[in-house]
Amino acid sequence: MISSLEPLDLAIVGTPDEVSQAAMLLIDKLEHHYGPMVANAESFLHDISTDPVSDGFTAFVANLGQLQNDRSRVSQWLIEATAEKRRSQTRVRRAKTAYEEKLHLTLAYDPDISAVDGQQAKMALARSKLHREFRIVAYAEQIYTQVLGFFEALKLAHDQINESKRDMMAQLAVIKQMVILGEISPEQFPAEREGVGSNLRETEHAIARELGEAGSGLLEL
């Protein structure tokens, strides 16, 4: 069975040309670079605790800090994937432009084309002469689809991590009200911990500021 990554021309003629070699080199490079990023980002996804009070304030802050670290890493990967997606789009656009320009010149000046009657026949012959350029377009589109998959997977992971942080913020707001109402004692969920603020309100505001910067530094998608 032919591998899904094996160039089509290898299956047809038995020898890959420079177009396939260049395309497959880039496909492989992108897979090795972005594949682990996607796997790591997906490994960061997990359900938040449904009973943070029982888990304790220390565990809550630790889990929130881990989410922040994970979000920062995925944000950087997403920025990189966004730039890669734009490069891939540019590659496709340039490949198509080069193909169309060469097709126009071939139709206008190639003597073999001039000797053929009928516009459809001329176009078919011109396209057959530009098989290499057509394959460059096809590979560029294939690579764009590959990169788009990496981008979308990282974007989904980023959005889900942010959603988890928002859920934890909502939990914190509920716990705060329960403390105010006396349903939970400050001893059960104390906020006085070194490095996290002097009280629950300050901690809540600090977390809110973090979440407000969730999209900071990301390119417009």
N, C-alpha and C. Protein backbone atom coordinates (compact mmCIF):
# COMPACT_ATOMS: atom_id res chain seq x y z
N MET A 1 0.86 -1.20 0.00
CA MET A 1 0.00 0.00 0.00
C MET A 1 0.89 1.24 0.00
N ILE A 2 0.52 2.21 -0.82
CA ILE A 2 1.29 3.44 -0.92
C ILE A 2 1.02 4.31 0.30
N SER A 3 2.08 4.82 0.92
CA SER A 3 1.93 5.69 2.07
C SER A 3 1.19 6.97 1.67
N SER A 4 0.41 7.51 2.60
CA SER A 4 -0.32 8.75 2.33
C SER A 4 0.63 9.93 2.12
N LEU A 5 1.86 9.80 2.60
CA LEU A 5 2.84 10.88 2.44
C LEU A 5 3.72 10.68 1.21
N GLU A 6 3.53 9.57 0.51
CA GLU A 6 4.36 9.31 -0.65
C GLU A 6 3.88 10.16 -1.82
N PRO A 7 4.78 10.83 -2.54
CA PRO A 7 4.35 11.68 -3.65
C PRO A 7 3.62 10.89 -4.72
N LEU A 8 2.59 11.50 -5.29
CA LEU A 8 1.83 10.82 -6.34
C LEU A 8 2.71 10.49 -7.52
N ASP A 9 3.65 11.38 -7.86
CA ASP A 9 4.49 11.10 -9.02
C ASP A 9 5.39 9.89 -8.80
N LEU A 10 5.73 9.61 -7.53
CA LEU A 10 6.55 8.44 -7.24
C LEU A 10 5.77 7.17 -7.57
N ALA A 11 4.48 7.19 -7.29
CA ALA A 11 3.65 6.03 -7.61
C ALA A 11 3.47 5.88 -9.11
N ILE A 12 3.53 7.02 -9.84
CA ILE A 12 3.27 6.97 -11.28
C ILE A 12 4.53 6.63 -12.07
N VAL A 13 5.60 7.36 -11.83
CA VAL A 13 6.79 7.19 -12.65
C VAL A 13 7.93 6.49 -11.93
N GLY A 14 7.80 6.33 -10.62
CA GLY A 14 8.81 5.58 -9.88
C GLY A 14 9.95 6.42 -9.35
N THR A 15 10.03 7.67 -9.76
CA THR A 15 11.12 8.53 -9.29
C THR A 15 10.59 9.91 -8.94
N PRO A 16 10.79 10.38 -7.71
CA PRO A 16 10.32 11.72 -7.36
C PRO A 16 11.19 12.78 -8.02
N ASP A 17 10.56 13.85 -8.49
CA ASP A 17 11.34 14.95 -9.06
C ASP A 17 11.59 16.00 -7.99
N GLU A 18 12.19 17.11 -8.38
CA GLU A 18 12.58 18.11 -7.39
C GLU A 18 11.36 18.78 -6.75
N VAL A 19 10.23 18.84 -7.46
CA VAL A 19 9.02 19.43 -6.89
C VAL A 19 8.54 18.59 -5.72
N SER A 20 8.44 17.29 -5.96
CA SER A 20 7.99 16.40 -4.89
C SER A 20 8.98 16.35 -3.73
N GLN A 21 10.25 16.33 -4.05
CA GLN A 21 11.26 16.28 -3.00
C GLN A 21 11.18 17.51 -2.11
N ALA A 22 11.04 18.68 -2.72
CA ALA A 22 10.94 19.92 -1.94
C ALA A 22 9.66 19.94 -1.12
N ALA A 23 8.55 19.52 -1.75
CA ALA A 23 7.26 19.54 -1.04
C ALA A 23 7.27 18.56 0.12
N MET A 24 7.76 17.37 -0.10
CA MET A 24 7.73 16.37 0.96
C MET A 24 8.69 16.73 2.09
N LEU A 25 9.79 17.39 1.75
CA LEU A 25 10.71 17.85 2.79
C LEU A 25 10.01 18.86 3.70
N LEU A 26 9.27 19.78 3.10
CA LEU A 26 8.57 20.79 3.90
C LEU A 26 7.43 20.16 4.69
N ILE A 27 6.69 19.25 4.08
CA ILE A 27 5.60 18.57 4.78
C ILE A 27 6.13 17.84 6.01
N ASP A 28 7.23 17.15 5.84
CA ASP A 28 7.83 16.40 6.95
C ASP A 28 8.35 17.35 8.03
N LYS A 29 8.97 18.44 7.61
CA LYS A 29 9.50 19.42 8.56
C LYS A 29 8.37 20.03 9.40
N LEU A 30 7.28 20.38 8.74
CA LEU A 30 6.15 20.97 9.45
C LEU A 30 5.53 19.97 10.43
N GLU A 31 5.42 18.73 10.02
CA GLU A 31 4.84 17.71 10.89
C GLU A 31 5.68 17.51 12.14
N HIS A 32 7.00 17.46 11.98
CA HIS A 32 7.88 17.27 13.12
C HIS A 32 7.90 18.50 14.04
N HIS A 33 7.65 19.67 13.48
CA HIS A 33 7.69 20.89 14.28
C HIS A 33 6.38 21.13 15.01
N TYR A 34 5.28 21.05 14.28
CA TYR A 34 3.98 21.41 14.87
C TYR A 34 3.24 20.22 15.47
N GLY A 35 3.53 19.02 15.01
CA GLY A 35 2.85 17.86 15.57
C GLY A 35 3.00 17.75 17.08
N PRO A 36 4.25 17.83 17.61
CA PRO A 36 4.41 17.79 19.07
C PRO A 36 3.74 18.95 19.79
N MET A 37 3.70 20.12 19.18
CA MET A 37 3.00 21.25 19.80
C MET A 37 1.53 20.92 20.01
N VAL A 38 0.90 20.39 18.97
CA VAL A 38 -0.52 20.05 19.07
C VAL A 38 -0.74 18.98 20.13
N ALA A 39 0.12 17.96 20.14
CA ALA A 39 -0.02 16.88 21.13
C ALA A 39 0.13 17.42 22.55
N ASN A 40 1.10 18.30 22.76
CA ASN A 40 1.29 18.89 24.09
C ASN A 40 0.11 19.77 24.48
N ALA A 41 -0.35 20.59 23.54
CA ALA A 41 -1.48 21.47 23.83
C ALA A 41 -2.71 20.67 24.21
N GLU A 42 -2.96 19.58 23.50
CA GLU A 42 -4.12 18.76 23.81
C GLU A 42 -3.97 18.05 25.15
N SER A 43 -2.73 17.78 25.55
CA SER A 43 -2.50 17.13 26.85
C SER A 43 -2.77 18.08 28.01
N PHE A 44 -2.79 19.39 27.74
CA PHE A 44 -3.06 20.37 28.79
C PHE A 44 -4.54 20.44 29.17
N LEU A 45 -5.40 19.88 28.33
CA LEU A 45 -6.84 20.02 28.53
C LEU A 45 -7.33 19.02 29.56
N HIS A 46 -8.03 19.53 30.56
CA HIS A 46 -8.61 18.65 31.57
C HIS A 46 -9.75 19.39 32.26
N ASP A 47 -10.63 18.64 32.89
CA ASP A 47 -11.76 19.24 33.60
C ASP A 47 -11.28 19.89 34.89
N ILE A 48 -11.88 21.02 35.21
CA ILE A 48 -11.54 21.67 36.48
C ILE A 48 -12.31 21.00 37.61
N SER A 49 -11.85 21.22 38.81
CA SER A 49 -12.48 20.60 39.98
C SER A 49 -13.90 21.10 40.15
N THR A 50 -14.79 20.20 40.53
CA THR A 50 -16.17 20.58 40.81
C THR A 50 -16.38 20.96 42.27
N ASP A 51 -15.35 20.77 43.09
CA ASP A 51 -15.46 21.10 44.52
C ASP A 51 -14.17 21.75 44.99
N PRO A 52 -13.91 22.98 44.54
CA PRO A 52 -12.65 23.64 44.88
C PRO A 52 -12.50 23.92 46.37
N VAL A 53 -13.61 24.09 47.10
CA VAL A 53 -13.51 24.35 48.53
C VAL A 53 -12.93 23.14 49.25
N SER A 54 -13.40 21.95 48.89
CA SER A 54 -12.86 20.75 49.51
C SER A 54 -11.39 20.53 49.14
N ASP A 55 -11.06 20.89 47.91
CA ASP A 55 -9.66 20.73 47.48
C ASP A 55 -8.75 21.68 48.24
N GLY A 56 -9.27 22.85 48.57
CA GLY A 56 -8.48 23.82 49.32
C GLY A 56 -7.97 24.95 48.45
N PHE A 57 -7.72 26.07 49.12
CA PHE A 57 -7.29 27.27 48.42
C PHE A 57 -5.92 27.08 47.75
N THR A 58 -5.03 26.38 48.44
CA THR A 58 -3.69 26.17 47.87
C THR A 58 -3.77 25.41 46.55
N ALA A 59 -4.60 24.36 46.53
CA ALA A 59 -4.77 23.58 45.30
C ALA A 59 -5.42 24.44 44.21
N PHE A 60 -6.38 25.28 44.61
CA PHE A 60 -7.06 26.14 43.64
C PHE A 60 -6.06 27.08 42.96
N VAL A 61 -5.23 27.74 43.77
CA VAL A 61 -4.25 28.67 43.21
C VAL A 61 -3.23 27.93 42.35
N ALA A 62 -2.82 26.74 42.80
CA ALA A 62 -1.85 25.96 42.02
C ALA A 62 -2.43 25.57 40.66
N ASN A 63 -3.69 25.14 40.67
CA ASN A 63 -4.33 24.74 39.42
C ASN A 63 -4.50 25.94 38.49
N LEU A 64 -4.86 27.07 39.06
CA LEU A 64 -5.01 28.28 38.26
C LEU A 64 -3.67 28.72 37.68
N GLY A 65 -2.62 28.60 38.47
CA GLY A 65 -1.29 28.94 37.98
C GLY A 65 -0.85 28.03 36.85
N GLN A 66 -1.19 26.73 36.97
CA GLN A 66 -0.84 25.80 35.90
C GLN A 66 -1.59 26.12 34.62
N LEU A 67 -2.87 26.49 34.76
CA LEU A 67 -3.63 26.90 33.59
C LEU A 67 -3.00 28.11 32.92
N GLN A 68 -2.55 29.05 33.73
CA GLN A 68 -1.90 30.24 33.18
C GLN A 68 -0.62 29.88 32.43
N ASN A 69 0.18 29.00 33.01
CA ASN A 69 1.40 28.56 32.34
C ASN A 69 1.09 27.85 31.03
N ASP A 70 0.08 26.98 31.07
CA ASP A 70 -0.30 26.25 29.86
C ASP A 70 -0.81 27.21 28.79
N ARG A 71 -1.62 28.19 29.20
CA ARG A 71 -2.15 29.15 28.25
C ARG A 71 -1.04 29.96 27.60
N SER A 72 -0.04 30.33 28.39
CA SER A 72 1.08 31.11 27.85
C SER A 72 1.84 30.32 26.80
N ARG A 73 2.07 29.04 27.08
CA ARG A 73 2.78 28.20 26.10
C ARG A 73 1.98 28.03 24.82
N VAL A 74 0.69 27.73 24.98
CA VAL A 74 -0.15 27.52 23.79
C VAL A 74 -0.31 28.82 23.02
N SER A 75 -0.35 29.95 23.72
CA SER A 75 -0.44 31.25 23.04
C SER A 75 0.76 31.47 22.13
N GLN A 76 1.94 31.14 22.61
CA GLN A 76 3.14 31.30 21.79
C GLN A 76 3.11 30.37 20.59
N TRP A 77 2.67 29.15 20.80
CA TRP A 77 2.57 28.20 19.69
C TRP A 77 1.54 28.68 18.67
N LEU A 78 0.44 29.24 19.16
CA LEU A 78 -0.60 29.73 18.26
C LEU A 78 -0.11 30.91 17.44
N ILE A 79 0.66 31.79 18.06
CA ILE A 79 1.25 32.91 17.31
C ILE A 79 2.13 32.37 16.18
N GLU A 80 2.92 31.37 16.50
CA GLU A 80 3.81 30.78 15.48
C GLU A 80 3.01 30.12 14.37
N ALA A 81 1.96 29.38 14.76
CA ALA A 81 1.14 28.71 13.76
C ALA A 81 0.38 29.71 12.89
N THR A 82 -0.01 30.84 13.48
CA THR A 82 -0.70 31.88 12.71
C THR A 82 0.23 32.44 11.63
N ALA A 83 1.47 32.69 12.00
CA ALA A 83 2.45 33.18 11.02
C ALA A 83 2.70 32.13 9.94
N GLU A 84 2.77 30.86 10.33
CA GLU A 84 2.98 29.78 9.36
C GLU A 84 1.79 29.68 8.42
N LYS A 85 0.60 29.87 8.94
CA LYS A 85 -0.60 29.81 8.09
C LYS A 85 -0.57 30.92 7.05
N ARG A 86 -0.14 32.09 7.46
CA ARG A 86 -0.07 33.21 6.52
C ARG A 86 1.01 32.97 5.46
N ARG A 87 2.13 32.38 5.87
CA ARG A 87 3.16 32.04 4.88
C ARG A 87 2.61 31.02 3.88
N SER A 88 1.85 30.07 4.37
CA SER A 88 1.28 29.05 3.49
C SER A 88 0.28 29.66 2.53
N GLN A 89 -0.52 30.61 3.01
CA GLN A 89 -1.47 31.30 2.13
C GLN A 89 -0.73 32.07 1.04
N THR A 90 0.34 32.74 1.44
CA THR A 90 1.14 33.48 0.47
C THR A 90 1.75 32.54 -0.56
N ARG A 91 2.21 31.39 -0.11
CA ARG A 91 2.81 30.41 -1.02
C ARG A 91 1.80 29.95 -2.07
N VAL A 92 0.59 29.68 -1.62
CA VAL A 92 -0.46 29.25 -2.55
C VAL A 92 -0.76 30.37 -3.55
N ARG A 93 -0.90 31.58 -3.06
CA ARG A 93 -1.22 32.70 -3.93
C ARG A 93 -0.13 32.92 -4.98
N ARG A 94 1.11 32.85 -4.56
CA ARG A 94 2.22 33.06 -5.50
C ARG A 94 2.31 31.92 -6.51
N ALA A 95 2.09 30.70 -6.04
CA ALA A 95 2.14 29.55 -6.95
C ALA A 95 1.05 29.65 -8.01
N LYS A 96 -0.15 30.06 -7.59
CA LYS A 96 -1.25 30.20 -8.54
C LYS A 96 -0.98 31.33 -9.53
N THR A 97 -0.42 32.43 -9.03
CA THR A 97 -0.11 33.55 -9.91
C THR A 97 0.93 33.16 -10.94
N ALA A 98 1.97 32.46 -10.50
CA ALA A 98 3.02 32.01 -11.42
C ALA A 98 2.45 31.06 -12.48
N TYR A 99 1.57 30.17 -12.03
CA TYR A 99 0.96 29.22 -12.96
C TYR A 99 0.10 29.95 -13.99
N GLU A 100 -0.73 30.88 -13.55
CA GLU A 100 -1.61 31.60 -14.46
C GLU A 100 -0.81 32.45 -15.44
N GLU A 101 0.26 33.09 -14.97
CA GLU A 101 1.09 33.91 -15.85
C GLU A 101 1.78 33.07 -16.92
N LYS A 102 2.30 31.93 -16.49
CA LYS A 102 2.99 31.07 -17.45
C LYS A 102 2.00 30.44 -18.42
N LEU A 103 0.79 30.14 -17.94
CA LEU A 103 -0.24 29.60 -18.83
C LEU A 103 -0.60 30.62 -19.90
N HIS A 104 -0.72 31.87 -19.50
CA HIS A 104 -1.04 32.94 -20.46
C HIS A 104 0.05 33.07 -21.51
N LEU A 105 1.30 33.06 -21.06
CA LEU A 105 2.42 33.19 -22.01
C LEU A 105 2.50 31.98 -22.95
N THR A 106 2.24 30.81 -22.40
CA THR A 106 2.28 29.60 -23.22
C THR A 106 1.20 29.63 -24.29
N LEU A 107 0.00 30.03 -23.92
CA LEU A 107 -1.10 30.13 -24.89
C LEU A 107 -0.78 31.16 -25.97
N ALA A 108 -0.06 32.21 -25.60
CA ALA A 108 0.18 33.31 -26.54
C ALA A 108 1.36 33.05 -27.47
N TYR A 109 2.40 32.35 -26.99
CA TYR A 109 3.65 32.30 -27.75
C TYR A 109 4.18 30.90 -28.08
N ASP A 110 3.64 29.87 -27.49
CA ASP A 110 4.17 28.53 -27.79
C ASP A 110 3.73 28.10 -29.19
N PRO A 111 4.69 27.75 -30.07
CA PRO A 111 4.32 27.36 -31.45
C PRO A 111 3.48 26.09 -31.50
N ASP A 112 3.69 25.19 -30.58
CA ASP A 112 2.87 23.98 -30.56
C ASP A 112 1.40 24.31 -30.31
N ILE A 113 1.18 25.29 -29.46
CA ILE A 113 -0.19 25.70 -29.16
C ILE A 113 -0.81 26.38 -30.38
N SER A 114 -0.03 27.20 -31.05
CA SER A 114 -0.53 27.92 -32.23
C SER A 114 -0.97 26.96 -33.33
N ALA A 115 -0.31 25.82 -33.40
CA ALA A 115 -0.62 24.85 -34.46
C ALA A 115 -1.89 24.05 -34.19
N VAL A 116 -2.45 24.19 -33.00
CA VAL A 116 -3.64 23.42 -32.62
C VAL A 116 -4.88 24.28 -32.86
N ASP A 117 -5.92 23.64 -33.42
CA ASP A 117 -7.18 24.33 -33.64
C ASP A 117 -8.10 24.17 -32.44
N GLY A 118 -8.87 25.21 -32.15
CA GLY A 118 -9.85 25.14 -31.09
C GLY A 118 -9.29 25.61 -29.75
N GLN A 119 -10.04 26.50 -29.08
CA GLN A 119 -9.56 27.07 -27.83
C GLN A 119 -9.42 26.02 -26.74
N GLN A 120 -10.38 25.11 -26.67
CA GLN A 120 -10.30 24.07 -25.63
C GLN A 120 -9.10 23.17 -25.83
N ALA A 121 -8.81 22.84 -27.07
CA ALA A 121 -7.65 22.00 -27.38
C ALA A 121 -6.36 22.74 -27.04
N LYS A 122 -6.33 24.03 -27.37
CA LYS A 122 -5.15 24.83 -27.03
C LYS A 122 -4.93 24.87 -25.51
N MET A 123 -6.02 25.08 -24.77
CA MET A 123 -5.91 25.15 -23.32
C MET A 123 -5.45 23.82 -22.73
N ALA A 124 -5.99 22.72 -23.25
CA ALA A 124 -5.60 21.40 -22.75
C ALA A 124 -4.13 21.13 -22.99
N LEU A 125 -3.64 21.49 -24.17
CA LEU A 125 -2.23 21.28 -24.48
C LEU A 125 -1.35 22.17 -23.62
N ALA A 126 -1.76 23.42 -23.44
CA ALA A 126 -0.97 24.35 -22.62
C ALA A 126 -0.88 23.84 -21.18
N ARG A 127 -1.97 23.37 -20.65
CA ARG A 127 -1.96 22.86 -19.28
C ARG A 127 -1.10 21.61 -19.15
N SER A 128 -1.11 20.77 -20.17
CA SER A 128 -0.27 19.57 -20.12
C SER A 128 1.21 19.94 -20.13
N LYS A 129 1.54 21.03 -20.80
CA LYS A 129 2.92 21.49 -20.83
C LYS A 129 3.35 22.08 -19.48
N LEU A 130 2.38 22.52 -18.68
CA LEU A 130 2.67 23.15 -17.40
C LEU A 130 2.34 22.22 -16.23
N HIS A 131 2.53 20.94 -16.46
CA HIS A 131 2.22 19.96 -15.41
C HIS A 131 3.03 20.22 -14.15
N ARG A 132 4.29 20.61 -14.30
CA ARG A 132 5.14 20.88 -13.14
C ARG A 132 4.58 22.03 -12.32
N GLU A 133 4.21 23.13 -13.00
CA GLU A 133 3.67 24.29 -12.29
C GLU A 133 2.34 23.97 -11.61
N PHE A 134 1.53 23.16 -12.27
CA PHE A 134 0.25 22.77 -11.68
C PHE A 134 0.46 21.96 -10.41
N ARG A 135 1.46 21.09 -10.43
CA ARG A 135 1.74 20.27 -9.25
C ARG A 135 2.30 21.11 -8.11
N ILE A 136 3.04 22.15 -8.44
CA ILE A 136 3.51 23.07 -7.39
C ILE A 136 2.31 23.70 -6.69
N VAL A 137 1.31 24.12 -7.46
CA VAL A 137 0.09 24.68 -6.87
C VAL A 137 -0.58 23.64 -5.98
N ALA A 138 -0.69 22.41 -6.48
CA ALA A 138 -1.36 21.36 -5.72
C ALA A 138 -0.64 21.07 -4.41
N TYR A 139 0.68 21.02 -4.46
CA TYR A 139 1.44 20.78 -3.23
C TYR A 139 1.32 21.96 -2.26
N ALA A 140 1.34 23.18 -2.80
CA ALA A 140 1.20 24.36 -1.95
C ALA A 140 -0.15 24.33 -1.22
N GLU A 141 -1.20 23.93 -1.93
CA GLU A 141 -2.52 23.83 -1.31
C GLU A 141 -2.55 22.71 -0.27
N GLN A 142 -1.87 21.60 -0.56
CA GLN A 142 -1.81 20.49 0.40
C GLN A 142 -1.10 20.94 1.68
N ILE A 143 -0.03 21.68 1.53
CA ILE A 143 0.72 22.14 2.70
C ILE A 143 -0.09 23.16 3.49
N TYR A 144 -0.83 24.01 2.79
CA TYR A 144 -1.70 24.96 3.50
C TYR A 144 -2.74 24.22 4.33
N THR A 145 -3.33 23.17 3.76
CA THR A 145 -4.31 22.38 4.50
C THR A 145 -3.67 21.75 5.74
N GLN A 146 -2.45 21.26 5.60
CA GLN A 146 -1.73 20.68 6.73
C GLN A 146 -1.52 21.72 7.83
N VAL A 147 -1.04 22.90 7.46
CA VAL A 147 -0.77 23.96 8.43
C VAL A 147 -2.07 24.44 9.07
N LEU A 148 -3.12 24.54 8.28
CA LEU A 148 -4.42 24.97 8.81
C LEU A 148 -4.90 24.00 9.89
N GLY A 149 -4.64 22.72 9.71
CA GLY A 149 -5.01 21.74 10.72
C GLY A 149 -4.26 21.97 12.03
N PHE A 150 -2.97 22.26 11.95
CA PHE A 150 -2.20 22.56 13.16
C PHE A 150 -2.75 23.82 13.84
N PHE A 151 -2.98 24.85 13.03
CA PHE A 151 -3.48 26.10 13.57
C PHE A 151 -4.82 25.90 14.29
N GLU A 152 -5.74 25.22 13.65
CA GLU A 152 -7.07 25.05 14.24
C GLU A 152 -7.02 24.23 15.52
N ALA A 153 -6.14 23.22 15.56
CA ALA A 153 -6.01 22.40 16.77
C ALA A 153 -5.46 23.23 17.92
N LEU A 154 -4.46 24.07 17.65
CA LEU A 154 -3.90 24.93 18.69
C LEU A 154 -4.89 26.00 19.12
N LYS A 155 -5.64 26.55 18.17
CA LYS A 155 -6.65 27.55 18.51
C LYS A 155 -7.72 26.95 19.40
N LEU A 156 -8.14 25.73 19.11
CA LEU A 156 -9.15 25.07 19.92
C LEU A 156 -8.64 24.84 21.34
N ALA A 157 -7.39 24.36 21.45
CA ALA A 157 -6.81 24.13 22.78
C ALA A 157 -6.71 25.44 23.55
N HIS A 158 -6.28 26.50 22.87
CA HIS A 158 -6.16 27.81 23.51
C HIS A 158 -7.51 28.29 24.02
N ASP A 159 -8.54 28.15 23.20
CA ASP A 159 -9.88 28.58 23.61
C ASP A 159 -10.40 27.76 24.79
N GLN A 160 -10.12 26.47 24.79
CA GLN A 160 -10.61 25.61 25.87
C GLN A 160 -9.89 25.91 27.19
N ILE A 161 -8.60 26.21 27.11
CA ILE A 161 -7.86 26.58 28.32
C ILE A 161 -8.41 27.89 28.88
N ASN A 162 -8.67 28.86 28.01
CA ASN A 162 -9.25 30.12 28.46
C ASN A 162 -10.63 29.90 29.08
N GLU A 163 -11.39 29.00 28.52
CA GLU A 163 -12.71 28.70 29.07
C GLU A 163 -12.58 28.10 30.47
N SER A 164 -11.59 27.24 30.65
CA SER A 164 -11.36 26.67 31.98
C SER A 164 -11.00 27.75 32.99
N LYS A 165 -10.19 28.73 32.56
CA LYS A 165 -9.83 29.82 33.46
C LYS A 165 -11.05 30.66 33.81
N ARG A 166 -11.91 30.90 32.83
CA ARG A 166 -13.13 31.66 33.11
C ARG A 166 -14.03 30.90 34.09
N ASP A 167 -14.08 29.58 33.93
CA ASP A 167 -14.90 28.77 34.85
C ASP A 167 -14.35 28.85 36.28
N MET A 168 -13.03 28.84 36.41
CA MET A 168 -12.44 28.95 37.74
C MET A 168 -12.69 30.33 38.34
N MET A 169 -12.68 31.35 37.49
CA MET A 169 -13.02 32.69 37.97
C MET A 169 -14.45 32.72 38.50
N ALA A 170 -15.34 32.05 37.78
CA ALA A 170 -16.74 32.01 38.21
C ALA A 170 -16.85 31.27 39.55
N GLN A 171 -16.08 30.20 39.69
CA GLN A 171 -16.07 29.47 40.96
C GLN A 171 -15.60 30.38 42.08
N LEU A 172 -14.56 31.16 41.82
CA LEU A 172 -14.02 32.04 42.84
C LEU A 172 -15.05 33.09 43.26
N ALA A 173 -15.79 33.61 42.28
CA ALA A 173 -16.81 34.61 42.60
C ALA A 173 -17.90 34.02 43.48
N VAL A 174 -18.29 32.77 43.19
CA VAL A 174 -19.31 32.10 43.99
C VAL A 174 -18.80 31.86 45.41
N ILE A 175 -17.56 31.39 45.51
CA ILE A 175 -16.99 31.13 46.83
C ILE A 175 -16.91 32.41 47.64
N LYS A 176 -16.54 33.50 46.98
CA LYS A 176 -16.46 34.79 47.67
C LYS A 176 -17.81 35.15 48.29
N GLN A 177 -18.88 34.99 47.52
CA GLN A 177 -20.21 35.29 48.05
C GLN A 177 -20.59 34.37 49.20
N MET A 178 -20.18 33.11 49.10
CA MET A 178 -20.48 32.17 50.18
C MET A 178 -19.73 32.53 51.45
N VAL A 179 -18.51 33.05 51.31
CA VAL A 179 -17.75 33.52 52.48
C VAL A 179 -18.45 34.74 53.09
N ILE A 180 -18.88 35.67 52.24
CA ILE A 180 -19.57 36.87 52.72
C ILE A 180 -20.85 36.50 53.46
N LEU A 181 -21.57 35.50 52.93
CA LEU A 181 -22.84 35.08 53.54
C LEU A 181 -22.64 34.17 54.74
N GLY A 182 -21.40 33.80 55.00
CA GLY A 182 -21.13 32.93 56.14
C GLY A 182 -21.36 31.46 55.87
N GLU A 183 -21.59 31.09 54.62
CA GLU A 183 -21.81 29.69 54.28
C GLU A 183 -20.49 28.91 54.25
N ILE A 184 -19.39 29.64 54.04
CA ILE A 184 -18.05 29.05 54.08
C ILE A 184 -17.22 29.96 54.96
N SER A 185 -16.48 29.38 55.86
CA SER A 185 -15.64 30.19 56.73
C SER A 185 -14.34 30.55 56.02
N PRO A 186 -13.76 31.71 56.36
CA PRO A 186 -12.48 32.09 55.75
C PRO A 186 -11.40 31.05 55.99
N GLU A 187 -11.53 30.29 57.06
CA GLU A 187 -10.54 29.25 57.34
C GLU A 187 -10.63 28.12 56.32
N GLN A 188 -11.84 27.88 55.80
CA GLN A 188 -12.00 26.81 54.81
C GLN A 188 -11.35 27.17 53.48
N PHE A 189 -11.41 28.45 53.14
CA PHE A 189 -10.86 28.90 51.85
C PHE A 189 -10.17 30.24 52.05
N PRO A 190 -9.05 30.23 52.79
CA PRO A 190 -8.36 31.49 53.08
C PRO A 190 -7.63 32.02 51.87
N ALA A 191 -7.54 33.33 51.80
CA ALA A 191 -6.82 33.96 50.68
C ALA A 191 -5.48 34.51 51.09
N GLU A 192 -5.17 34.45 52.35
CA GLU A 192 -3.90 35.02 52.82
C GLU A 192 -2.78 34.01 52.63
N ARG A 193 -2.20 34.09 51.45
CA ARG A 193 -1.08 33.23 51.09
C ARG A 193 -0.01 34.09 50.44
N GLU A 194 1.19 33.82 50.76
CA GLU A 194 2.30 34.61 50.22
C GLU A 194 2.29 34.55 48.69
N GLY A 195 2.31 35.72 48.07
CA GLY A 195 2.42 35.80 46.62
C GLY A 195 1.10 35.76 45.89
N VAL A 196 -0.03 35.59 46.61
CA VAL A 196 -1.31 35.53 45.92
C VAL A 196 -2.25 36.64 46.37
N GLY A 197 -1.82 37.55 47.20
CA GLY A 197 -2.69 38.64 47.61
C GLY A 197 -3.05 38.53 49.08
N SER A 198 -3.46 39.66 49.64
CA SER A 198 -3.73 39.68 51.07
C SER A 198 -5.14 39.26 51.41
N ASN A 199 -6.03 39.23 50.42
CA ASN A 199 -7.39 38.79 50.70
C ASN A 199 -8.02 38.24 49.44
N LEU A 200 -9.21 37.70 49.59
CA LEU A 200 -9.87 37.06 48.46
C LEU A 200 -10.21 38.05 47.35
N ARG A 201 -10.61 39.26 47.75
CA ARG A 201 -10.93 40.29 46.75
C ARG A 201 -9.71 40.62 45.90
N GLU A 202 -8.57 40.79 46.54
CA GLU A 202 -7.35 41.12 45.80
C GLU A 202 -6.97 39.97 44.88
N THR A 203 -7.10 38.76 45.37
CA THR A 203 -6.79 37.59 44.55
C THR A 203 -7.72 37.53 43.34
N GLU A 204 -9.01 37.78 43.57
CA GLU A 204 -9.97 37.76 42.48
C GLU A 204 -9.62 38.81 41.43
N HIS A 205 -9.27 40.01 41.87
CA HIS A 205 -8.92 41.07 40.94
C HIS A 205 -7.66 40.73 40.15
N ALA A 206 -6.69 40.12 40.82
CA ALA A 206 -5.45 39.74 40.13
C ALA A 206 -5.75 38.71 39.04
N ILE A 207 -6.60 37.75 39.36
CA ILE A 207 -6.96 36.73 38.38
C ILE A 207 -7.75 37.36 37.24
N ALA A 208 -8.65 38.30 37.59
CA ALA A 208 -9.44 38.95 36.55
C ALA A 208 -8.54 39.70 35.58
N ARG A 209 -7.51 40.35 36.11
CA ARG A 209 -6.58 41.07 35.23
C ARG A 209 -5.87 40.10 34.30
N GLU A 210 -5.49 38.93 34.81
CA GLU A 210 -4.84 37.93 33.97
C GLU A 210 -5.77 37.49 32.84
N LEU A 211 -7.02 37.20 33.19
CA LEU A 211 -7.96 36.74 32.18
C LEU A 211 -8.27 37.83 31.18
N GLY A 212 -8.23 39.06 31.61
CA GLY A 212 -8.47 40.16 30.69
C GLY A 212 -7.40 40.29 29.65
N GLU A 213 -6.24 39.69 29.92
CA GLU A 213 -5.11 39.73 28.96
C GLU A 213 -4.99 38.42 28.22
N ALA A 214 -6.06 37.62 28.20
CA ALA A 214 -5.96 36.27 27.64
C ALA A 214 -5.54 36.28 26.18
N GLY A 215 -5.96 37.30 25.43
CA GLY A 215 -5.63 37.32 24.02
C GLY A 215 -4.45 38.22 23.70
N SER A 216 -3.79 38.76 24.73
CA SER A 216 -2.70 39.70 24.51
C SER A 216 -1.57 39.08 23.72
N GLY A 217 -1.09 39.79 22.70
CA GLY A 217 0.06 39.33 21.93
C GLY A 217 -0.31 38.44 20.77
N LEU A 218 -1.58 38.02 20.65
CA LEU A 218 -1.95 37.15 19.56
C LEU A 218 -2.20 37.99 18.31
N LEU A 219 -1.80 37.44 17.17
CA LEU A 219 -2.08 38.10 15.93
C LEU A 219 -3.57 38.01 15.64
N GLU A 220 -4.09 38.99 14.93
CA GLU A 220 -5.49 38.94 14.53
C GLU A 220 -5.68 37.77 13.58
N LEU A 221 -6.63 36.89 13.90
CA LEU A 221 -6.79 35.67 13.12
C LEU A 221 -7.79 35.88 12.00
